[in-house]
Amino acid sequence: MRYQMLAAGLLAGAALLAAEVNADLPELESTRLTTGLAFPTVITHAPGDESRLFIAEKPGRIRILDLETNQLLSTPFLDITSIVTGFNNLGDERGLLGVAFHPDFEDNGYFYVNYTAGGSNLQTVVRRYTVSSDNPNVANPNSASNIIAFGQPFANHNGGWIGFGPDGYLYIAVGDGGSGGDPQNNAQNTNNLLGNMLRLDVDNVEPGQSFSIPDDNPFKGVSGFRDEIWAYGLRNPWKNSFDRQTGDLWIGDVGQNLWEEINRQPASSEGGENYGWRCYEGFASFNTTGCPPPSELIFPIHSYAIFGASGANCAITGGYVYRGCDIPGLQGQYIYGDFCSARIWTLDPESRDLPYDPTTGGTDPAVMIQSQLSPSIEGASISWISAFGEDARGELYIAQHSPGAIFKIIPAGGPQPNPDLNCDGVVNVFDLLLLLENWGSCPDGAGCPGDLNEDGTVNVFDLLILLENWG
């Protein structure tokens, strides 16, 4: 109680010491954590687990990276190489493409995978597994339960990303079925599952079924639409993410020959968006035969060019909005890259220059940060960016597809004490309360929340640092 009273008394003077928000991006670096992976496609974490990353390899394995030692565990968490279709090369778009942990994983042990199976009759398969009851680092291979499966007419454009939204439903990103130019017009054909973002309820399921349709899916019971569809008009949305703070869905959709695009679906969306492919590629018309008017389409918030020369861009690798603690100046920025060029950018979702249409000019709000991150502090260059990932604390990682490696984005000079103690993007009374709760000496000199000057004690000097960064 006395700490709360002290906090209330200090609030009145806090504004006098508040520092202005620095709008400039911070200096960044990368560090290479591990190598020896076979074409990594996913970096993710289990809910509440700050000690491990789970890395999917395209041939069909999930590996565990111990974040306390930065060592790959020798035994895979899951090995389904015997049922995954795909080749161990750089360009093959088939394989193990998605991993998502159930929000209640700590209680039910469920996680989900998205992979391609079959030879000439290629399929996308989403399947549930359960962690072993006696070893948290190994899944039970006999626990498999299929959720959904459907055919793929070609070997490319499989999408592959899966993730649980803030609403608890499972979202599945599906490409247009492949070839070039969507020859079957799948993305505008709402009678199939290709070229869509699907949304399934995997918890409230009738006996004998593997999922149900949420009551508020936009096309449930609508003639001419599959019930599973949440949004459509997508070409190959293979990397997407939910902003853990706002709930917005960020979609990186790979273009045809000219434009890559980023779509942002606000958390308030009721679904039903038509993102325009194959009518439009980015903001440019592609094949508008039979298409609805532009007013009925959702255009991207940002697009960038595919140049077609050696070393040029070729495919967007969608990323994450940074919500970690280690890099306060990066808070709220969307980080993404390109598979071929290995360029990496930040994009401010609040920029006044969004949406940005490169076909009409204007100021591009994206800021390239590739030169800061590559080479890493170990001298390793980053190439062939196949995924970005987020750990339980919101820090960001980069997967290099070949040779397989994982890098972490860090502030230049390494992480520094951060006055935003609860990592919510603002220094306020809640951070002040956390500091006061840790007032005094840190046990064994190991450091504790609130020791902002790292002198082994949380005291008035740390309080002054916090107040100087108020706001």
Protein backbone atom coordinates (compact mmCIF):
# COMPACT_ATOMS: atom_id res chain seq x y z
CA MET A 1 0.00 0.00 0.00
CA ARG A 2 2.79 2.46 0.88
CA TYR A 3 4.32 1.83 -2.55
CA GLN A 4 1.00 2.62 -4.21
CA MET A 5 0.69 5.83 -2.20
CA LEU A 6 4.22 6.80 -3.16
CA ALA A 7 3.42 6.07 -6.80
CA ALA A 8 0.36 8.32 -6.67
CA GLY A 9 2.39 11.10 -5.11
CA LEU A 10 5.05 10.90 -7.78
CA LEU A 11 2.59 11.00 -10.68
CA ALA A 12 2.04 14.72 -10.35
CA GLY A 13 5.70 15.45 -10.93
CA ALA A 14 6.35 12.80 -13.52
CA ALA A 15 5.34 14.97 -16.46
CA LEU A 16 8.03 17.50 -15.58
CA LEU A 17 10.70 14.86 -16.10
CA ALA A 18 9.14 13.09 -19.08
CA ALA A 19 11.38 12.78 -22.10
CA GLU A 20 10.20 13.43 -25.62
CA VAL A 21 9.53 10.34 -27.71
CA ASN A 22 12.38 9.68 -30.10
CA ALA A 23 10.83 9.14 -33.51
CA ASP A 24 14.11 7.93 -35.06
CA LEU A 25 14.71 4.23 -35.44
CA PRO A 26 17.34 2.73 -33.14
CA GLU A 27 20.65 1.30 -34.29
CA LEU A 28 20.32 -2.45 -34.71
CA GLU A 29 22.48 -5.54 -35.05
CA SER A 30 21.91 -9.24 -35.51
CA THR A 31 23.51 -12.21 -33.87
CA ARG A 32 23.59 -15.69 -35.34
CA LEU A 33 22.26 -18.19 -32.81
CA THR A 34 22.55 -21.49 -34.62
CA THR A 35 23.34 -23.18 -37.93
CA GLY A 36 22.94 -26.68 -39.36
CA LEU A 37 19.21 -26.51 -40.09
CA ALA A 38 17.62 -28.10 -43.16
CA PHE A 39 15.71 -25.32 -44.93
CA PRO A 40 13.91 -23.70 -41.96
CA THR A 41 10.41 -22.42 -42.71
CA VAL A 42 8.95 -21.42 -39.33
CA ILE A 43 10.18 -19.87 -36.08
CA THR A 44 7.66 -19.87 -33.26
CA HIS A 45 7.20 -20.40 -29.53
CA ALA A 46 4.80 -22.15 -27.22
CA PRO A 47 2.53 -19.93 -25.09
CA GLY A 48 4.28 -18.79 -21.93
CA ASP A 49 7.55 -20.54 -22.82
CA GLU A 50 10.45 -18.08 -22.76
CA SER A 51 13.17 -20.73 -22.86
CA ARG A 52 12.60 -22.38 -26.26
CA LEU A 53 12.04 -21.65 -29.93
CA PHE A 54 10.45 -24.22 -32.23
CA ILE A 55 11.87 -24.25 -35.75
CA ALA A 56 10.22 -26.12 -38.61
CA GLU A 57 12.43 -27.62 -41.30
CA LYS A 58 10.92 -28.01 -44.76
CA PRO A 59 11.65 -31.78 -45.04
CA GLY A 60 9.31 -32.40 -42.08
CA ARG A 61 11.04 -31.92 -38.74
CA ILE A 62 10.44 -29.49 -35.88
CA ARG A 63 13.61 -28.66 -33.96
CA ILE A 64 13.95 -27.01 -30.56
CA LEU A 65 16.41 -24.18 -29.96
CA ASP A 66 17.25 -23.79 -26.27
CA LEU A 67 17.38 -20.01 -25.75
CA GLU A 68 19.36 -20.35 -22.55
CA THR A 69 22.24 -22.11 -24.32
CA ASN A 70 21.51 -21.24 -27.99
CA GLN A 71 21.90 -24.94 -28.73
CA LEU A 72 19.73 -27.05 -31.01
CA LEU A 73 18.46 -30.16 -29.28
CA SER A 74 19.66 -33.24 -31.13
CA THR A 75 16.31 -35.03 -31.02
CA PRO A 76 13.56 -33.39 -33.10
CA PHE A 77 10.40 -32.32 -31.33
CA LEU A 78 8.50 -33.93 -34.22
CA ASP A 79 9.66 -35.86 -37.28
CA ILE A 80 7.09 -36.42 -40.05
CA THR A 81 9.54 -36.60 -42.94
CA SER A 82 8.02 -39.93 -43.98
CA ILE A 83 4.69 -38.30 -44.88
CA VAL A 84 5.77 -34.85 -46.12
CA THR A 85 6.10 -34.25 -49.85
CA GLY A 86 8.83 -31.89 -50.98
CA PHE A 87 12.41 -31.74 -52.10
CA ASN A 88 15.40 -30.58 -50.13
CA ASN A 89 16.28 -27.65 -52.32
CA LEU A 90 16.02 -23.90 -52.17
CA GLY A 91 13.16 -23.35 -54.59
CA ASP A 92 10.68 -26.10 -53.72
CA GLU A 93 7.58 -24.56 -52.14
CA ARG A 94 6.30 -27.85 -50.72
CA GLY A 95 7.09 -29.35 -47.34
CA LEU A 96 6.39 -28.59 -43.68
CA LEU A 97 5.22 -24.98 -43.96
CA GLY A 98 3.32 -24.06 -40.81
CA VAL A 99 3.35 -24.66 -37.04
CA ALA A 100 0.99 -23.18 -34.45
CA PHE A 101 0.58 -23.92 -30.75
CA HIS A 102 -2.88 -23.99 -29.23
CA PRO A 103 -3.48 -21.02 -26.88
CA ASP A 104 -4.04 -23.55 -24.07
CA PHE A 105 -0.98 -25.61 -24.96
CA GLU A 106 0.24 -25.55 -21.37
CA ASP A 107 -2.89 -27.50 -20.39
CA ASN A 108 -3.83 -29.59 -23.44
CA GLY A 109 -0.45 -30.03 -25.16
CA TYR A 110 -1.95 -29.45 -28.63
CA PHE A 111 -0.04 -28.03 -31.57
CA TYR A 112 -0.84 -27.95 -35.29
CA VAL A 113 1.19 -28.38 -38.46
CA ASN A 114 0.53 -27.50 -42.11
CA TYR A 115 2.34 -29.59 -44.71
CA THR A 116 2.07 -30.91 -48.25
CA ALA A 117 1.48 -34.60 -48.88
CA GLY A 118 0.94 -36.88 -51.85
CA GLY A 119 2.74 -37.21 -55.16
CA SER A 120 0.78 -36.44 -58.32
CA ASN A 121 -2.30 -35.84 -56.13
CA LEU A 122 -0.76 -33.12 -54.00
CA GLN A 123 -2.64 -32.06 -50.88
CA THR A 124 -2.41 -29.46 -48.17
CA VAL A 125 -2.88 -31.13 -44.79
CA VAL A 126 -3.44 -29.44 -41.43
CA ARG A 127 -2.98 -31.90 -38.59
CA ARG A 128 -2.97 -31.76 -34.79
CA TYR A 129 -0.39 -33.45 -32.56
CA THR A 130 0.07 -33.61 -28.79
CA VAL A 131 3.24 -33.21 -26.77
CA SER A 132 4.53 -36.32 -25.01
CA SER A 133 3.24 -36.81 -21.48
CA ASP A 134 6.69 -37.56 -20.08
CA ASN A 135 9.03 -35.35 -22.13
CA PRO A 136 8.17 -31.72 -22.99
CA ASN A 137 10.84 -31.70 -25.70
CA VAL A 138 9.26 -34.49 -27.75
CA ALA A 139 5.82 -34.79 -29.35
CA ASN A 140 3.80 -37.98 -29.34
CA PRO A 141 4.00 -39.19 -32.97
CA ASN A 142 0.96 -41.42 -32.46
CA SER A 143 -1.29 -38.53 -31.46
CA ALA A 144 -1.94 -37.30 -35.02
CA SER A 145 -5.44 -36.10 -35.84
CA ASN A 146 -6.28 -34.54 -39.21
CA ILE A 147 -8.10 -31.21 -39.10
CA ILE A 148 -8.54 -30.46 -42.81
CA ALA A 149 -7.05 -31.55 -46.14
CA PHE A 150 -7.65 -30.40 -49.71
CA GLY A 151 -6.07 -30.76 -53.12
CA GLN A 152 -3.39 -28.57 -54.69
CA PRO A 153 -3.40 -28.51 -58.53
CA PHE A 154 0.25 -27.43 -58.82
CA ALA A 155 3.41 -27.72 -56.72
CA ASN A 156 3.73 -24.01 -55.89
CA HIS A 157 1.66 -21.37 -54.07
CA ASN A 158 0.71 -23.57 -51.14
CA GLY A 159 0.61 -20.74 -48.62
CA GLY A 160 1.32 -22.70 -45.47
CA TRP A 161 1.07 -20.29 -42.54
CA ILE A 162 -1.26 -21.18 -39.67
CA GLY A 163 -1.89 -19.23 -36.50
CA PHE A 164 -4.38 -18.71 -33.70
CA GLY A 165 -6.03 -15.32 -33.61
CA PRO A 166 -6.91 -13.32 -30.51
CA ASP A 167 -10.40 -14.82 -30.90
CA GLY A 168 -9.02 -18.33 -30.32
CA TYR A 169 -9.81 -19.54 -33.84
CA LEU A 170 -7.31 -21.22 -36.17
CA TYR A 171 -6.45 -19.21 -39.29
CA ILE A 172 -5.02 -21.02 -42.32
CA ALA A 173 -3.40 -19.14 -45.21
CA VAL A 174 -3.90 -20.88 -48.56
CA GLY A 175 -2.30 -19.95 -51.88
CA ASP A 176 -4.12 -19.84 -55.21
CA GLY A 177 -3.05 -23.35 -56.22
CA GLY A 178 -0.05 -22.37 -58.26
CA SER A 179 1.28 -22.28 -61.78
CA GLY A 180 1.45 -18.65 -62.94
CA GLY A 181 -1.25 -16.01 -63.12
CA ASP A 182 -3.81 -18.18 -61.30
CA PRO A 183 -4.96 -19.95 -64.50
CA GLN A 184 -7.97 -21.49 -62.74
CA ASN A 185 -8.94 -18.15 -61.14
CA ASN A 186 -9.06 -19.91 -57.78
CA ALA A 187 -8.50 -16.79 -55.70
CA GLN A 188 -11.76 -15.27 -56.99
CA ASN A 189 -13.65 -18.57 -56.94
CA THR A 190 -15.28 -18.73 -53.53
CA ASN A 191 -16.53 -22.28 -54.09
CA ASN A 192 -13.08 -23.66 -53.28
CA LEU A 193 -10.54 -23.19 -50.51
CA LEU A 194 -7.64 -21.91 -52.64
CA GLY A 195 -6.48 -18.30 -52.53
CA ASN A 196 -8.12 -17.71 -49.16
CA MET A 197 -7.62 -17.11 -45.48
CA LEU A 198 -9.62 -19.79 -43.67
CA ARG A 199 -10.94 -19.55 -40.10
CA LEU A 200 -11.86 -22.66 -38.11
CA ASP A 201 -13.03 -23.48 -34.60
CA VAL A 202 -10.97 -26.46 -33.44
CA ASP A 203 -12.32 -26.49 -29.87
CA ASN A 204 -16.11 -26.67 -30.15
CA VAL A 205 -16.36 -29.74 -32.35
CA GLU A 206 -19.19 -32.23 -32.78
CA PRO A 207 -18.37 -35.96 -32.41
CA GLY A 208 -16.89 -37.35 -35.58
CA GLN A 209 -15.88 -33.90 -36.85
CA SER A 210 -12.44 -32.27 -36.78
CA PHE A 211 -13.54 -28.62 -36.70
CA SER A 212 -16.60 -26.41 -36.75
CA ILE A 213 -17.40 -23.12 -38.46
CA PRO A 214 -17.49 -20.05 -36.20
CA ASP A 215 -20.95 -18.50 -36.18
CA ASP A 216 -19.54 -15.14 -37.26
CA ASN A 217 -17.59 -16.40 -40.27
CA PRO A 218 -18.72 -13.95 -42.96
CA PHE A 219 -19.91 -16.52 -45.51
CA LYS A 220 -21.37 -19.16 -43.24
CA GLY A 221 -24.51 -20.39 -44.96
CA VAL A 222 -24.05 -18.02 -47.92
CA SER A 223 -24.68 -19.60 -51.32
CA GLY A 224 -21.63 -19.69 -53.56
CA PHE A 225 -19.12 -19.47 -50.71
CA ARG A 226 -17.31 -22.07 -48.64
CA ASP A 227 -18.16 -21.64 -44.96
CA GLU A 228 -14.49 -21.88 -44.00
CA ILE A 229 -13.51 -18.69 -45.85
CA TRP A 230 -12.62 -15.64 -43.75
CA ALA A 231 -11.11 -13.56 -46.58
CA TYR A 232 -10.17 -14.24 -50.21
CA GLY A 233 -8.38 -12.86 -53.26
CA LEU A 234 -4.88 -13.92 -52.12
CA ARG A 235 -2.08 -15.25 -54.30
CA ASN A 236 0.45 -16.86 -51.96
CA PRO A 237 0.19 -15.52 -48.39
CA TRP A 238 2.90 -17.76 -46.97
CA LYS A 239 3.99 -15.55 -44.04
CA ASN A 240 1.56 -13.67 -41.81
CA SER A 241 1.22 -12.66 -38.18
CA PHE A 242 -1.08 -11.22 -35.56
CA ASP A 243 0.04 -8.09 -33.72
CA ARG A 244 0.05 -9.34 -30.14
CA GLN A 245 -0.94 -5.88 -28.86
CA THR A 246 -3.63 -4.72 -31.30
CA GLY A 247 -4.81 -8.04 -32.75
CA ASP A 248 -4.38 -6.79 -36.32
CA LEU A 249 -3.60 -9.47 -38.91
CA TRP A 250 -0.63 -8.67 -41.19
CA ILE A 251 -0.54 -10.56 -44.50
CA GLY A 252 2.51 -10.75 -46.74
CA ASP A 253 1.22 -11.78 -50.18
CA VAL A 254 3.73 -12.79 -52.85
CA GLY A 255 3.23 -11.11 -56.23
CA GLN A 256 3.41 -12.39 -59.81
CA ASN A 257 6.07 -10.50 -61.80
CA LEU A 258 5.84 -6.87 -60.74
CA TRP A 259 4.64 -6.16 -57.19
CA GLU A 260 4.85 -7.63 -53.69
CA GLU A 261 2.23 -6.52 -51.20
CA ILE A 262 1.40 -6.11 -47.52
CA ASN A 263 -2.19 -6.24 -46.33
CA ARG A 264 -3.31 -5.28 -42.85
CA GLN A 265 -6.64 -6.56 -41.56
CA PRO A 266 -7.67 -4.62 -38.45
CA ALA A 267 -8.70 -6.55 -35.38
CA SER A 268 -12.16 -4.99 -35.73
CA SER A 269 -12.67 -6.68 -39.11
CA GLU A 270 -15.76 -8.81 -39.57
CA GLY A 271 -14.02 -10.70 -42.38
CA GLY A 272 -15.16 -11.04 -45.95
CA GLU A 273 -12.39 -8.97 -47.53
CA ASN A 274 -11.50 -9.54 -51.17
CA TYR A 275 -7.80 -8.68 -51.44
CA GLY A 276 -7.97 -8.51 -55.21
CA TRP A 277 -5.82 -11.22 -56.79
CA ARG A 278 -5.92 -12.07 -59.76
CA CYS A 279 -7.75 -8.89 -60.66
CA TYR A 280 -4.88 -6.81 -59.29
CA GLU A 281 -1.25 -7.41 -58.40
CA GLY A 282 -0.55 -4.88 -55.70
CA PHE A 283 -2.19 -1.69 -56.97
CA ALA A 284 -1.73 -2.59 -60.66
CA SER A 285 -4.42 -4.30 -62.71
CA PHE A 286 -3.50 -7.85 -63.76
CA ASN A 287 -6.53 -9.64 -65.19
CA THR A 288 -9.78 -7.82 -64.51
CA THR A 289 -12.03 -10.05 -66.61
CA GLY A 290 -15.14 -10.79 -64.58
CA CYS A 291 -13.82 -8.87 -61.57
CA PRO A 292 -15.84 -6.70 -59.20
CA PRO A 293 -15.28 -2.93 -59.30
CA PRO A 294 -12.19 -1.65 -57.45
CA SER A 295 -14.43 -0.14 -54.78
CA GLU A 296 -15.31 -3.67 -53.66
CA LEU A 297 -11.67 -4.74 -53.30
CA ILE A 298 -9.21 -4.22 -50.46
CA PHE A 299 -5.91 -2.87 -51.75
CA PRO A 300 -2.64 -3.30 -49.85
CA ILE A 301 -1.31 -0.75 -47.40
CA HIS A 302 2.14 -1.09 -48.99
CA SER A 303 3.66 -2.56 -52.13
CA TYR A 304 7.19 -2.83 -53.48
CA ALA A 305 8.64 -3.73 -56.86
CA ILE A 306 10.05 -6.97 -58.21
CA PHE A 307 12.98 -5.85 -60.34
CA GLY A 308 13.76 -9.02 -62.30
CA ALA A 309 17.55 -8.56 -62.31
CA SER A 310 20.17 -10.63 -60.49
CA GLY A 311 19.90 -10.06 -56.76
CA ALA A 312 16.54 -8.34 -57.07
CA ASN A 313 13.40 -8.83 -55.03
CA CYS A 314 11.24 -11.87 -55.76
CA ALA A 315 8.94 -12.75 -52.85
CA ILE A 316 7.89 -10.94 -49.72
CA THR A 317 8.54 -12.71 -46.43
CA GLY A 318 5.96 -11.27 -44.09
CA GLY A 319 7.10 -10.47 -40.57
CA TYR A 320 5.90 -9.11 -37.25
CA VAL A 321 5.06 -5.90 -35.47
CA TYR A 322 7.77 -5.60 -32.84
CA ARG A 323 6.38 -5.79 -29.30
CA GLY A 324 9.47 -6.82 -27.37
CA CYS A 325 11.32 -5.05 -24.56
CA ASP A 326 14.95 -5.08 -25.68
CA ILE A 327 14.60 -2.44 -28.43
CA PRO A 328 12.23 0.29 -27.19
CA GLY A 329 12.80 2.47 -30.26
CA LEU A 330 11.51 -0.32 -32.51
CA GLN A 331 8.24 -0.66 -30.62
CA GLY A 332 5.22 -0.85 -32.94
CA GLN A 333 7.23 -1.13 -36.18
CA TYR A 334 6.36 -3.86 -38.69
CA ILE A 335 9.50 -5.80 -39.72
CA TYR A 336 9.52 -7.75 -42.99
CA GLY A 337 11.88 -8.81 -45.77
CA ASP A 338 12.32 -10.31 -49.22
CA PHE A 339 13.26 -13.94 -49.79
CA CYS A 340 15.66 -13.41 -52.72
CA SER A 341 17.28 -10.04 -52.08
CA ALA A 342 17.40 -10.55 -48.29
CA ARG A 343 16.44 -6.90 -47.92
CA ILE A 344 14.82 -6.12 -44.57
CA TRP A 345 12.57 -3.15 -43.88
CA THR A 346 10.59 -1.53 -41.10
CA LEU A 347 7.20 0.03 -41.69
CA ASP A 348 5.42 2.33 -39.25
CA PRO A 349 1.73 1.30 -39.21
CA GLU A 350 0.82 4.85 -38.19
CA SER A 351 2.69 6.55 -41.03
CA ARG A 352 0.75 9.31 -42.77
CA ASP A 353 2.16 7.98 -46.05
CA LEU A 354 0.09 4.78 -45.86
CA PRO A 355 -1.36 3.32 -47.94
CA TYR A 356 1.65 3.60 -50.24
CA ASP A 357 1.04 3.00 -53.96
CA PRO A 358 4.40 2.90 -55.79
CA THR A 359 2.66 3.16 -59.16
CA THR A 360 1.62 6.74 -58.41
CA GLY A 361 4.73 7.97 -56.62
CA GLY A 362 4.78 9.60 -53.22
CA THR A 363 6.97 9.02 -50.20
CA ASP A 364 7.75 5.39 -49.40
CA PRO A 365 7.45 5.08 -45.60
CA ALA A 366 9.40 1.80 -45.48
CA VAL A 367 12.92 2.09 -44.06
CA MET A 368 15.54 -0.44 -45.13
CA ILE A 369 17.57 -1.83 -42.22
CA GLN A 370 19.37 -4.66 -44.03
CA SER A 371 22.81 -3.05 -43.75
CA GLN A 372 22.50 -2.93 -39.95
CA LEU A 373 21.59 -6.61 -39.63
CA SER A 374 23.78 -8.23 -42.28
CA PRO A 375 26.48 -9.21 -41.64
CA SER A 376 25.78 -10.26 -38.07
CA ILE A 377 28.12 -9.41 -35.22
CA GLU A 378 29.80 -12.77 -35.94
CA GLY A 379 30.44 -11.65 -39.53
CA ALA A 380 27.78 -13.91 -41.09
CA SER A 381 25.72 -12.47 -43.93
CA ILE A 382 21.97 -13.10 -44.01
CA SER A 383 20.55 -14.50 -47.25
CA TRP A 384 17.40 -16.26 -48.47
CA ILE A 385 15.05 -15.02 -45.74
CA SER A 386 12.34 -17.66 -45.34
CA ALA A 387 10.72 -16.56 -42.08
CA PHE A 388 10.62 -14.10 -39.25
CA GLY A 389 9.71 -15.35 -35.81
CA GLU A 390 8.74 -14.07 -32.39
CA ASP A 391 9.62 -15.48 -28.99
CA ALA A 392 7.39 -15.37 -25.92
CA ARG A 393 8.84 -11.98 -24.94
CA GLY A 394 8.19 -10.46 -28.36
CA GLU A 395 11.80 -10.40 -29.56
CA LEU A 396 12.31 -11.08 -33.27
CA TYR A 397 14.30 -13.68 -35.19
CA ILE A 398 15.17 -14.34 -38.83
CA ALA A 399 15.37 -17.72 -40.57
CA GLN A 400 17.91 -18.14 -43.35
CA HIS A 401 16.65 -20.86 -45.67
CA SER A 402 20.00 -22.00 -47.04
CA PRO A 403 22.39 -22.66 -45.49
CA GLY A 404 19.91 -23.04 -42.65
CA ALA A 405 20.53 -20.65 -39.77
CA ILE A 406 18.69 -18.53 -37.20
CA PHE A 407 19.55 -14.91 -36.40
CA LYS A 408 18.21 -12.64 -33.67
CA ILE A 409 17.59 -8.90 -34.06
CA ILE A 410 19.21 -7.04 -31.17
CA PRO A 411 19.97 -3.41 -30.33
CA ALA A 412 23.43 -2.19 -31.27
CA GLY A 413 25.72 -2.94 -28.35
CA GLY A 414 23.34 -5.55 -26.95
CA PRO A 415 20.14 -5.23 -24.88
CA GLN A 416 20.10 -2.38 -22.37
CA PRO A 417 17.92 -1.96 -19.27
CA ASN A 418 14.51 -0.72 -20.36
CA PRO A 419 12.32 1.53 -18.19
CA ASP A 420 9.24 0.00 -19.87
CA LEU A 421 9.33 -2.85 -17.37
CA ASN A 422 6.09 -4.50 -18.49
CA CYS A 423 6.84 -4.09 -22.21
CA ASP A 424 3.53 -2.46 -23.10
CA GLY A 425 5.11 0.32 -25.15
CA VAL A 426 4.71 3.10 -22.59
CA VAL A 427 6.47 4.01 -19.35
CA ASN A 428 3.74 4.72 -16.80
CA VAL A 429 2.43 3.96 -13.34
CA PHE A 430 2.41 0.20 -13.94
CA ASP A 431 6.17 0.26 -14.59
CA LEU A 432 6.59 2.43 -11.52
CA LEU A 433 4.77 -0.14 -9.40
CA LEU A 434 6.97 -2.94 -10.76
CA LEU A 435 10.07 -0.96 -9.88
CA LEU A 436 8.83 -0.30 -6.36
CA GLU A 437 7.92 -3.96 -5.86
CA ASN A 438 11.59 -4.81 -6.48
CA TRP A 439 12.97 -2.02 -4.30
CA GLY A 440 16.20 -2.92 -2.56
CA SER A 441 19.11 -5.23 -3.29
CA CYS A 442 18.84 -7.79 -6.09
CA PRO A 443 19.34 -11.37 -4.87
CA ASP A 444 22.90 -12.61 -5.33
CA GLY A 445 23.64 -9.66 -7.60
CA ALA A 446 21.83 -11.44 -10.44
CA GLY A 447 19.83 -8.40 -11.47
CA CYS A 448 16.10 -7.85 -11.22
CA PRO A 449 13.36 -5.78 -12.84
CA GLY A 450 13.87 -2.13 -12.05
CA ASP A 451 17.66 -2.17 -11.69
CA LEU A 452 17.98 0.23 -14.60
CA ASN A 453 21.56 1.34 -13.91
CA GLU A 454 22.67 -2.25 -13.21
CA ASP A 455 24.35 -1.48 -9.89
CA GLY A 456 22.74 -4.44 -8.08
CA THR A 457 20.20 -2.32 -6.22
CA VAL A 458 16.82 -0.85 -7.11
CA ASN A 459 16.84 2.59 -5.55
CA VAL A 460 16.20 6.28 -6.15
CA PHE A 461 18.69 6.42 -9.03
CA ASP A 462 16.67 3.81 -10.93
CA LEU A 463 13.51 5.72 -10.08
CA LEU A 464 14.94 8.86 -11.65
CA ILE A 465 15.84 6.95 -14.84
CA LEU A 466 12.28 5.66 -15.09
CA LEU A 467 10.79 9.13 -14.58
CA GLU A 468 13.10 10.64 -17.18
CA ASN A 469 11.62 8.21 -19.71
CA TRP A 470 8.01 8.70 -18.65
CA GLY A 471 5.43 8.53 -21.41
